[in-house]
Amino acid sequence: MKDQHDNKTVDWVDANKPKYIETELGREKLCIQCGEYWPLDDEFWWHRNVKLVNGQVSKRYEAACKCCYNVRYKPGKTKNKNSIRSVYEKGEAA
């Protein structure tokens, strides 16, 4: 994402955007990595169940969507993802 003032790449989303919006699809949440709004459900967001003081269980969604999660929180995991090739791709097949 580029900063509008000096064209440098930044890793935060514009502070003027609201975290949540209401659309015809329902409630949507802002991803802090890609800056896009996605529907607030388990298809697009990882979540964890948190037990509250009063005994109820609350669902807490992550700040980055499922597509951006590994890029944001586990950058080394996707670093060499496609480095292993088959013998046919290496040209070693007889």
PDB file of N, CA and C in Angstrom:
ATOM      1  N   MET A   1       0.849  -1.172   0.000  1.00  0.00           N
ATOM      2  CA  MET A   1       0.000   0.000   0.000  1.00  0.00           C
ATOM      3  C   MET A   1       0.896   1.237   0.000  1.00  0.00           C
ATOM      4  N   LYS A   2       0.552   2.228  -0.794  1.00  0.00           N
ATOM      5  CA  LYS A   2       1.360   3.446  -0.917  1.00  0.00           C
ATOM      6  C   LYS A   2       0.775   4.568  -0.061  1.00  0.00           C
ATOM      7  N   ASP A   3       1.662   5.312   0.582  1.00  0.00           N
ATOM      8  CA  ASP A   3       1.249   6.493   1.322  1.00  0.00           C
ATOM      9  C   ASP A   3       0.960   7.600   0.323  1.00  0.00           C
ATOM     10  N   GLN A   4      -0.160   8.295   0.478  1.00  0.00           N
ATOM     11  CA  GLN A   4      -0.574   9.293  -0.511  1.00  0.00           C
ATOM     12  C   GLN A   4       0.320  10.526  -0.537  1.00  0.00           C
ATOM     13  N   HIS A   5       1.064  10.795   0.522  1.00  0.00           N
ATOM     14  CA  HIS A   5       1.863  12.013   0.586  1.00  0.00           C
ATOM     15  C   HIS A   5       3.258  11.858  -0.027  1.00  0.00           C
ATOM     16  N   ASP A   6       3.914  10.732   0.221  1.00  0.00           N
ATOM     17  CA  ASP A   6       5.284  10.620  -0.260  1.00  0.00           C
ATOM     18  C   ASP A   6       5.540   9.368  -1.101  1.00  0.00           C
ATOM     19  N   ASN A   7       4.505   8.628  -1.480  1.00  0.00           N
ATOM     20  CA  ASN A   7       4.590   7.467  -2.364  1.00  0.00           C
ATOM     21  C   ASN A   7       5.479   6.343  -1.830  1.00  0.00           C
ATOM     22  N   LYS A   8       5.719   6.292  -0.532  1.00  0.00           N
ATOM     23  CA  LYS A   8       6.467   5.190   0.063  1.00  0.00           C
ATOM     24  C   LYS A   8       5.493   4.070   0.423  1.00  0.00           C
ATOM     25  N   THR A   9       5.989   2.847   0.402  1.00  0.00           N
ATOM     26  CA  THR A   9       5.161   1.719   0.781  1.00  0.00           C
ATOM     27  C   THR A   9       5.050   1.663   2.297  1.00  0.00           C
ATOM     28  N   VAL A  10       3.835   1.492   2.780  1.00  0.00           N
ATOM     29  CA  VAL A  10       3.585   1.391   4.209  1.00  0.00           C
ATOM     30  C   VAL A  10       2.835   0.095   4.486  1.00  0.00           C
ATOM     31  N   ASP A  11       2.885  -0.386   5.723  1.00  0.00           N
ATOM     32  CA  ASP A  11       2.202  -1.625   6.057  1.00  0.00           C
ATOM     33  C   ASP A  11       0.993  -1.394   6.951  1.00  0.00           C
ATOM     34  N   TRP A  12       0.369  -0.264   6.823  1.00  0.00           N
ATOM     35  CA  TRP A  12      -0.835   0.019   7.578  1.00  0.00           C
ATOM     36  C   TRP A  12      -1.894   0.564   6.637  1.00  0.00           C
ATOM     37  N   VAL A  13      -3.134   0.444   7.042  1.00  0.00           N
ATOM     38  CA  VAL A  13      -4.264   0.889   6.248  1.00  0.00           C
ATOM     39  C   VAL A  13      -4.605   2.320   6.639  1.00  0.00           C
ATOM     40  N   ASP A  14      -5.181   3.057   5.706  1.00  0.00           N
ATOM     41  CA  ASP A  14      -5.560   4.442   5.947  1.00  0.00           C
ATOM     42  C   ASP A  14      -6.400   4.552   7.218  1.00  0.00           C
ATOM     43  N   ALA A  15      -6.017   5.427   8.122  1.00  0.00           N
ATOM     44  CA  ALA A  15      -6.691   5.580   9.411  1.00  0.00           C
ATOM     45  C   ALA A  15      -8.099   6.146   9.257  1.00  0.00           C
ATOM     46  N   ASN A  16      -8.399   6.758   8.118  1.00  0.00           N
ATOM     47  CA  ASN A  16      -9.724   7.341   7.921  1.00  0.00           C
ATOM     48  C   ASN A  16     -10.776   6.301   7.559  1.00  0.00           C
ATOM     49  N   LYS A  17     -10.357   5.100   7.178  1.00  0.00           N
ATOM     50  CA  LYS A  17     -11.311   4.047   6.834  1.00  0.00           C
ATOM     51  C   LYS A  17     -11.863   3.421   8.112  1.00  0.00           C
ATOM     52  N   PRO A  18     -13.175   3.203   8.169  1.00  0.00           N
ATOM     53  CA  PRO A  18     -13.725   2.526   9.351  1.00  0.00           C
ATOM     54  C   PRO A  18     -13.384   1.042   9.335  1.00  0.00           C
ATOM     55  N   LYS A  19     -13.289   0.423  10.522  1.00  0.00           N
ATOM     56  CA  LYS A  19     -12.970  -1.000  10.613  1.00  0.00           C
ATOM     57  C   LYS A  19     -14.102  -1.867  10.076  1.00  0.00           C
ATOM     58  N   TYR A  20     -15.324  -1.443  10.287  1.00  0.00           N
ATOM     59  CA  TYR A  20     -16.486  -2.210   9.868  1.00  0.00           C
ATOM     60  C   TYR A  20     -17.411  -1.331   9.034  1.00  0.00           C
ATOM     61  N   ILE A  21     -18.068  -1.943   8.034  1.00  0.00           N
ATOM     62  CA  ILE A  21     -19.098  -1.248   7.267  1.00  0.00           C
ATOM     63  C   ILE A  21     -20.287  -2.188   7.100  1.00  0.00           C
ATOM     64  N   GLU A  22     -21.440  -1.611   6.879  1.00  0.00           N
ATOM     65  CA  GLU A  22     -22.651  -2.385   6.617  1.00  0.00           C
ATOM     66  C   GLU A  22     -22.973  -2.290   5.133  1.00  0.00           C
ATOM     67  N   THR A  23     -23.114  -3.427   4.458  1.00  0.00           N
ATOM     68  CA  THR A  23     -23.447  -3.469   3.035  1.00  0.00           C
ATOM     69  C   THR A  23     -24.641  -4.388   2.835  1.00  0.00           C
ATOM     70  N   GLU A  24     -24.993  -4.612   1.561  1.00  0.00           N
ATOM     71  CA  GLU A  24     -26.115  -5.508   1.266  1.00  0.00           C
ATOM     72  C   GLU A  24     -25.769  -6.958   1.623  1.00  0.00           C
ATOM     73  N   LEU A  25     -24.488  -7.271   1.746  1.00  0.00           N
ATOM     74  CA  LEU A  25     -24.056  -8.610   2.146  1.00  0.00           C
ATOM     75  C   LEU A  25     -24.050  -8.787   3.661  1.00  0.00           C
ATOM     76  N   GLY A  26     -24.210  -7.711   4.395  1.00  0.00           N
ATOM     77  CA  GLY A  26     -24.149  -7.749   5.852  1.00  0.00           C
ATOM     78  C   GLY A  26     -22.957  -6.950   6.338  1.00  0.00           C
ATOM     79  N   ARG A  27     -22.468  -7.291   7.507  1.00  0.00           N
ATOM     80  CA  ARG A  27     -21.335  -6.576   8.089  1.00  0.00           C
ATOM     81  C   ARG A  27     -20.035  -7.038   7.434  1.00  0.00           C
ATOM     82  N   GLU A  28     -19.186  -6.054   7.061  1.00  0.00           N
ATOM     83  CA  GLU A  28     -17.892  -6.351   6.457  1.00  0.00           C
ATOM     84  C   GLU A  28     -16.788  -5.718   7.285  1.00  0.00           C
ATOM     85  N   LYS A  29     -15.640  -6.397   7.325  1.00  0.00           N
ATOM     86  CA  LYS A  29     -14.503  -5.959   8.127  1.00  0.00           C
ATOM     87  C   LYS A  29     -13.345  -5.592   7.211  1.00  0.00           C
ATOM     88  N   LEU A  30     -12.548  -4.626   7.629  1.00  0.00           N
ATOM     89  CA  LEU A  30     -11.397  -4.149   6.877  1.00  0.00           C
ATOM     90  C   LEU A  30     -10.167  -4.986   7.206  1.00  0.00           C
ATOM     91  N   CYS A  31      -9.499  -5.492   6.181  1.00  0.00           N
ATOM     92  CA  CYS A  31      -8.241  -6.223   6.362  1.00  0.00           C
ATOM     93  C   CYS A  31      -7.109  -5.213   6.477  1.00  0.00           C
ATOM     94  N   ILE A  32      -6.256  -5.377   7.492  1.00  0.00           N
ATOM     95  CA  ILE A  32      -5.180  -4.406   7.697  1.00  0.00           C
ATOM     96  C   ILE A  32      -4.025  -4.608   6.729  1.00  0.00           C
ATOM     97  N   GLN A  33      -3.971  -5.747   6.040  1.00  0.00           N
ATOM     98  CA  GLN A  33      -2.878  -5.999   5.109  1.00  0.00           C
ATOM     99  C   GLN A  33      -3.216  -5.496   3.711  1.00  0.00           C
ATOM    100  N   CYS A  34      -4.351  -5.918   3.159  1.00  0.00           N
ATOM    101  CA  CYS A  34      -4.678  -5.557   1.770  1.00  0.00           C
ATOM    102  C   CYS A  34      -5.568  -4.321   1.673  1.00  0.00           C
ATOM    103  N   GLY A  35      -6.192  -3.911   2.766  1.00  0.00           N
ATOM    104  CA  GLY A  35      -7.025  -2.714   2.757  1.00  0.00           C
ATOM    105  C   GLY A  35      -8.390  -2.924   2.120  1.00  0.00           C
ATOM    106  N   GLU A  36      -8.814  -4.181   1.951  1.00  0.00           N
ATOM    107  CA  GLU A  36     -10.108  -4.504   1.352  1.00  0.00           C
ATOM    108  C   GLU A  36     -11.101  -4.861   2.449  1.00  0.00           C
ATOM    109  N   TYR A  37     -12.390  -4.658   2.150  1.00  0.00           N
ATOM    110  CA  TYR A  37     -13.458  -5.079   3.044  1.00  0.00           C
ATOM    111  C   TYR A  37     -13.940  -6.455   2.623  1.00  0.00           C
ATOM    112  N   TRP A  38     -14.094  -7.364   3.601  1.00  0.00           N
ATOM    113  CA  TRP A  38     -14.576  -8.715   3.359  1.00  0.00           C
ATOM    114  C   TRP A  38     -15.707  -9.020   4.330  1.00  0.00           C
ATOM    115  N   PRO A  39     -16.690  -9.853   3.903  1.00  0.00           N
ATOM    116  CA  PRO A  39     -17.785 -10.218   4.817  1.00  0.00           C
ATOM    117  C   PRO A  39     -17.254 -10.844   6.096  1.00  0.00           C
ATOM    118  N   LEU A  40     -17.868 -10.497   7.192  1.00  0.00           N
ATOM    119  CA  LEU A  40     -17.409 -10.940   8.510  1.00  0.00           C
ATOM    120  C   LEU A  40     -17.981 -12.324   8.813  1.00  0.00           C
ATOM    121  N   ASP A  41     -17.329 -13.357   8.281  1.00  0.00           N
ATOM    122  CA  ASP A  41     -17.709 -14.734   8.573  1.00  0.00           C
ATOM    123  C   ASP A  41     -16.485 -15.634   8.487  1.00  0.00           C
ATOM    124  N   ASP A  42     -16.681 -16.903   8.794  1.00  0.00           N
ATOM    125  CA  ASP A  42     -15.560 -17.841   8.878  1.00  0.00           C
ATOM    126  C   ASP A  42     -14.953 -18.179   7.519  1.00  0.00           C
ATOM    127  N   GLU A  43     -15.613 -17.848   6.434  1.00  0.00           N
ATOM    128  CA  GLU A  43     -15.064 -18.114   5.108  1.00  0.00           C
ATOM    129  C   GLU A  43     -13.888 -17.185   4.786  1.00  0.00           C
ATOM    130  N   PHE A  44     -13.911 -15.963   5.287  1.00  0.00           N
ATOM    131  CA  PHE A  44     -12.897 -14.967   4.950  1.00  0.00           C
ATOM    132  C   PHE A  44     -11.943 -14.638   6.089  1.00  0.00           C
ATOM    133  N   TRP A  45     -12.285 -14.998   7.323  1.00  0.00           N
ATOM    134  CA  TRP A  45     -11.496 -14.580   8.483  1.00  0.00           C
ATOM    135  C   TRP A  45     -11.203 -15.751   9.401  1.00  0.00           C
ATOM    136  N   TRP A  46      -9.968 -15.825   9.938  1.00  0.00           N
ATOM    137  CA  TRP A  46      -9.650 -16.755  11.014  1.00  0.00           C
ATOM    138  C   TRP A  46     -10.188 -16.156  12.300  1.00  0.00           C
ATOM    139  N   HIS A  47     -10.573 -16.997  13.232  1.00  0.00           N
ATOM    140  CA  HIS A  47     -11.094 -16.484  14.502  1.00  0.00           C
ATOM    141  C   HIS A  47     -10.633 -17.371  15.645  1.00  0.00           C
ATOM    142  N   ARG A  48     -10.787 -16.848  16.836  1.00  0.00           N
ATOM    143  CA  ARG A  48     -10.553 -17.646  18.040  1.00  0.00           C
ATOM    144  C   ARG A  48     -11.690 -17.367  19.006  1.00  0.00           C
ATOM    145  N   ASN A  49     -12.070 -18.388  19.742  1.00  0.00           N
ATOM    146  CA  ASN A  49     -13.125 -18.252  20.732  1.00  0.00           C
ATOM    147  C   ASN A  49     -12.504 -17.828  22.051  1.00  0.00           C
ATOM    148  N   VAL A  50     -13.044 -16.766  22.632  1.00  0.00           N
ATOM    149  CA  VAL A  50     -12.524 -16.211  23.875  1.00  0.00           C
ATOM    150  C   VAL A  50     -13.612 -16.290  24.936  1.00  0.00           C
ATOM    151  N   LYS A  51     -13.267 -16.843  26.080  1.00  0.00           N
ATOM    152  CA  LYS A  51     -14.227 -16.925  27.174  1.00  0.00           C
ATOM    153  C   LYS A  51     -14.226 -15.609  27.945  1.00  0.00           C
ATOM    154  N   LEU A  52     -15.398 -14.997  28.068  1.00  0.00           N
ATOM    155  CA  LEU A  52     -15.522 -13.722  28.761  1.00  0.00           C
ATOM    156  C   LEU A  52     -15.655 -13.926  30.269  1.00  0.00           C
ATOM    157  N   VAL A  53     -15.588 -12.841  31.022  1.00  0.00           N
ATOM    158  CA  VAL A  53     -15.654 -12.889  32.477  1.00  0.00           C
ATOM    159  C   VAL A  53     -16.991 -13.455  32.947  1.00  0.00           C
ATOM    160  N   ASN A  54     -18.069 -13.123  32.225  1.00  0.00           N
ATOM    161  CA  ASN A  54     -19.395 -13.576  32.642  1.00  0.00           C
ATOM    162  C   ASN A  54     -19.697 -15.015  32.208  1.00  0.00           C
ATOM    163  N   GLY A  55     -18.719 -15.728  31.616  1.00  0.00           N
ATOM    164  CA  GLY A  55     -18.893 -17.121  31.248  1.00  0.00           C
ATOM    165  C   GLY A  55     -19.299 -17.352  29.807  1.00  0.00           C
ATOM    166  N   GLN A  56     -19.678 -16.310  29.083  1.00  0.00           N
ATOM    167  CA  GLN A  56     -20.063 -16.468  27.686  1.00  0.00           C
ATOM    168  C   GLN A  56     -18.819 -16.607  26.811  1.00  0.00           C
ATOM    169  N   VAL A  57     -19.011 -17.172  25.627  1.00  0.00           N
ATOM    170  CA  VAL A  57     -17.919 -17.328  24.675  1.00  0.00           C
ATOM    171  C   VAL A  57     -18.127 -16.341  23.531  1.00  0.00           C
ATOM    172  N   SER A  58     -17.089 -15.581  23.203  1.00  0.00           N
ATOM    173  CA  SER A  58     -17.149 -14.587  22.145  1.00  0.00           C
ATOM    174  C   SER A  58     -16.191 -14.969  21.028  1.00  0.00           C
ATOM    175  N   LYS A  59     -16.582 -14.695  19.777  1.00  0.00           N
ATOM    176  CA  LYS A  59     -15.744 -14.979  18.622  1.00  0.00           C
ATOM    177  C   LYS A  59     -14.939 -13.726  18.301  1.00  0.00           C
ATOM    178  N   ARG A  60     -13.606 -13.822  18.304  1.00  0.00           N
ATOM    179  CA  ARG A  60     -12.733 -12.695  17.979  1.00  0.00           C
ATOM    180  C   ARG A  60     -12.063 -12.979  16.649  1.00  0.00           C
ATOM    181  N   TYR A  61     -12.284 -12.098  15.673  1.00  0.00           N
ATOM    182  CA  TYR A  61     -11.710 -12.277  14.349  1.00  0.00           C
ATOM    183  C   TYR A  61     -10.337 -11.623  14.267  1.00  0.00           C
ATOM    184  N   GLU A  62      -9.447 -12.212  13.470  1.00  0.00           N
ATOM    185  CA  GLU A  62      -8.107 -11.677  13.272  1.00  0.00           C
ATOM    186  C   GLU A  62      -8.175 -10.357  12.498  1.00  0.00           C
ATOM    187  N   ALA A  63      -7.088  -9.595  12.510  1.00  0.00           N
ATOM    188  CA  ALA A  63      -7.052  -8.305  11.828  1.00  0.00           C
ATOM    189  C   ALA A  63      -6.775  -8.456  10.331  1.00  0.00           C
ATOM    190  N   ALA A  64      -6.127  -9.542   9.931  1.00  0.00           N
ATOM    191  CA  ALA A  64      -5.830  -9.790   8.519  1.00  0.00           C
ATOM    192  C   ALA A  64      -6.735 -10.910   8.008  1.00  0.00           C
ATOM    193  N   CYS A  65      -7.215 -10.784   6.770  1.00  0.00           N
ATOM    194  CA  CYS A  65      -8.091 -11.812   6.195  1.00  0.00           C
ATOM    195  C   CYS A  65      -7.304 -13.099   5.965  1.00  0.00           C
ATOM    196  N   LYS A  66      -7.984 -14.187   5.616  1.00  0.00           N
ATOM    197  CA  LYS A  66      -7.319 -15.476   5.437  1.00  0.00           C
ATOM    198  C   LYS A  66      -6.266 -15.426   4.337  1.00  0.00           C
ATOM    199  N   CYS A  67      -6.513 -14.680   3.278  1.00  0.00           N
ATOM    200  CA  CYS A  67      -5.541 -14.591   2.182  1.00  0.00           C
ATOM    201  C   CYS A  67      -4.261 -13.887   2.619  1.00  0.00           C
ATOM    202  N   CYS A  68      -4.376 -12.902   3.462  1.00  0.00           N
ATOM    203  CA  CYS A  68      -3.219 -12.099   3.877  1.00  0.00           C
ATOM    204  C   CYS A  68      -2.589 -12.575   5.181  1.00  0.00           C
ATOM    205  N   TYR A  69      -3.186 -13.535   5.851  1.00  0.00           N
ATOM    206  CA  TYR A  69      -2.734 -13.937   7.182  1.00  0.00           C
ATOM    207  C   TYR A  69      -1.282 -14.388   7.185  1.00  0.00           C
ATOM    208  N   ASN A  70      -0.912 -15.317   6.285  1.00  0.00           N
ATOM    209  CA  ASN A  70       0.472 -15.810   6.258  1.00  0.00           C
ATOM    210  C   ASN A  70       1.456 -14.732   5.840  1.00  0.00           C
ATOM    211  N   VAL A  71       1.052 -13.850   4.952  1.00  0.00           N
ATOM    212  CA  VAL A  71       1.924 -12.762   4.521  1.00  0.00           C
ATOM    213  C   VAL A  71       2.205 -11.829   5.690  1.00  0.00           C
ATOM    214  N   ARG A  72       1.207 -11.572   6.487  1.00  0.00           N
ATOM    215  CA  ARG A  72       1.323 -10.624   7.600  1.00  0.00           C
ATOM    216  C   ARG A  72       2.033 -11.223   8.817  1.00  0.00           C
ATOM    217  N   TYR A  73       1.600 -12.418   9.221  1.00  0.00           N
ATOM    218  CA  TYR A  73       2.059 -12.969  10.491  1.00  0.00           C
ATOM    219  C   TYR A  73       3.098 -14.086  10.368  1.00  0.00           C
ATOM    220  N   LYS A  74       3.220 -14.710   9.191  1.00  0.00           N
ATOM    221  CA  LYS A  74       4.189 -15.788   9.000  1.00  0.00           C
ATOM    222  C   LYS A  74       4.932 -15.592   7.680  1.00  0.00           C
ATOM    223  N   PRO A  75       5.708 -14.524   7.570  1.00  0.00           N
ATOM    224  CA  PRO A  75       6.340 -14.221   6.284  1.00  0.00           C
ATOM    225  C   PRO A  75       7.347 -15.264   5.826  1.00  0.00           C
ATOM    226  N   GLY A  76       7.996 -15.974   6.721  1.00  0.00           N
ATOM    227  CA  GLY A  76       8.964 -16.994   6.341  1.00  0.00           C
ATOM    228  C   GLY A  76       8.322 -18.267   5.819  1.00  0.00           C
ATOM    229  N   LYS A  77       7.064 -18.464   6.128  1.00  0.00           N
ATOM    230  CA  LYS A  77       6.379 -19.692   5.738  1.00  0.00           C
ATOM    231  C   LYS A  77       6.201 -19.793   4.222  1.00  0.00           C
ATOM    232  N   THR A  78       5.960 -18.683   3.557  1.00  0.00           N
ATOM    233  CA  THR A  78       5.713 -18.695   2.119  1.00  0.00           C
ATOM    234  C   THR A  78       6.945 -18.319   1.309  1.00  0.00           C
ATOM    235  N   LYS A  79       8.082 -18.175   1.964  1.00  0.00           N
ATOM    236  CA  LYS A  79       9.287 -17.701   1.298  1.00  0.00           C
ATOM    237  C   LYS A  79       9.757 -18.641   0.191  1.00  0.00           C
ATOM    238  N   ASN A  80       9.934 -19.924   0.488  1.00  0.00           N
ATOM    239  CA  ASN A  80      10.424 -20.891  -0.486  1.00  0.00           C
ATOM    240  C   ASN A  80       9.352 -21.916  -0.836  1.00  0.00           C
ATOM    241  N   LYS A  81       8.160 -21.474  -1.006  1.00  0.00           N
ATOM    242  CA  LYS A  81       7.032 -22.380  -1.200  1.00  0.00           C
ATOM    243  C   LYS A  81       7.170 -23.207  -2.479  1.00  0.00           C
ATOM    244  N   ASN A  82       7.615 -22.621  -3.569  1.00  0.00           N
ATOM    245  CA  ASN A  82       7.679 -23.324  -4.843  1.00  0.00           C
ATOM    246  C   ASN A  82       9.106 -23.698  -5.237  1.00  0.00           C
ATOM    247  N   SER A  83      10.001 -23.813  -4.282  1.00  0.00           N
ATOM    248  CA  SER A  83      11.387 -24.101  -4.623  1.00  0.00           C
ATOM    249  C   SER A  83      11.615 -25.585  -4.933  1.00  0.00           C
ATOM    250  N   ILE A  84      10.796 -26.476  -4.399  1.00  0.00           N
ATOM    251  CA  ILE A  84      10.961 -27.904  -4.660  1.00  0.00           C
ATOM    252  C   ILE A  84      10.269 -28.229  -5.975  1.00  0.00           C
ATOM    253  N   ARG A  85      11.056 -28.783  -6.898  1.00  0.00           N
ATOM    254  CA  ARG A  85      10.504 -29.129  -8.195  1.00  0.00           C
ATOM    255  C   ARG A  85      10.648 -30.621  -8.434  1.00  0.00           C
ATOM    256  N   SER A  86       9.839 -31.140  -9.325  1.00  0.00           N
ATOM    257  CA  SER A  86       9.923 -32.551  -9.658  1.00  0.00           C
ATOM    258  C   SER A  86      11.153 -32.802 -10.544  1.00  0.00           C
ATOM    259  N   VAL A  87      11.511 -34.055 -10.738  1.00  0.00           N
ATOM    260  CA  VAL A  87      12.659 -34.385 -11.579  1.00  0.00           C
ATOM    261  C   VAL A  87      12.407 -33.978 -13.030  1.00  0.00           C
ATOM    262  N   TYR A  88      11.168 -33.954 -13.438  1.00  0.00           N
ATOM    263  CA  TYR A  88      10.843 -33.546 -14.810  1.00  0.00           C
ATOM    264  C   TYR A  88      11.071 -32.052 -15.011  1.00  0.00           C
ATOM    265  N   GLU A  89      10.727 -31.261 -14.007  1.00  0.00           N
ATOM    266  CA  GLU A  89      10.967 -29.818 -14.100  1.00  0.00           C
ATOM    267  C   GLU A  89      12.452 -29.483 -14.041  1.00  0.00           C
ATOM    268  N   LYS A  90      13.218 -30.280 -13.302  1.00  0.00           N
ATOM    269  CA  LYS A  90      14.664 -30.052 -13.210  1.00  0.00           C
ATOM    270  C   LYS A  90      15.390 -30.494 -14.475  1.00  0.00           C
ATOM    271  N   GLY A  91      14.758 -31.336 -15.287  1.00  0.00           N
ATOM    272  CA  GLY A  91      15.385 -31.831 -16.498  1.00  0.00           C
ATOM    273  C   GLY A  91      16.250 -33.044 -16.284  1.00  0.00           C
ATOM    274  N   GLU A  92      16.076 -33.735 -15.151  1.00  0.00           N
ATOM    275  CA  GLU A  92      16.878 -34.913 -14.821  1.00  0.00           C
ATOM    276  C   GLU A  92      16.231 -36.209 -15.265  1.00  0.00           C
ATOM    277  N   ALA A  93      15.044 -36.139 -15.814  1.00  0.00           N
ATOM    278  CA  ALA A  93      14.350 -37.364 -16.236  1.00  0.00           C
ATOM    279  C   ALA A  93      15.024 -37.939 -17.465  1.00  0.00           C
ATOM    280  N   ALA A  94      15.087 -39.253 -17.510  1.00  0.00           N
ATOM    281  CA  ALA A  94      15.777 -39.902 -18.640  1.00  0.00           C
ATOM    282  C   ALA A  94      14.898 -40.052 -19.843  1.00  0.00           C
TER     283      ALA A  94
END
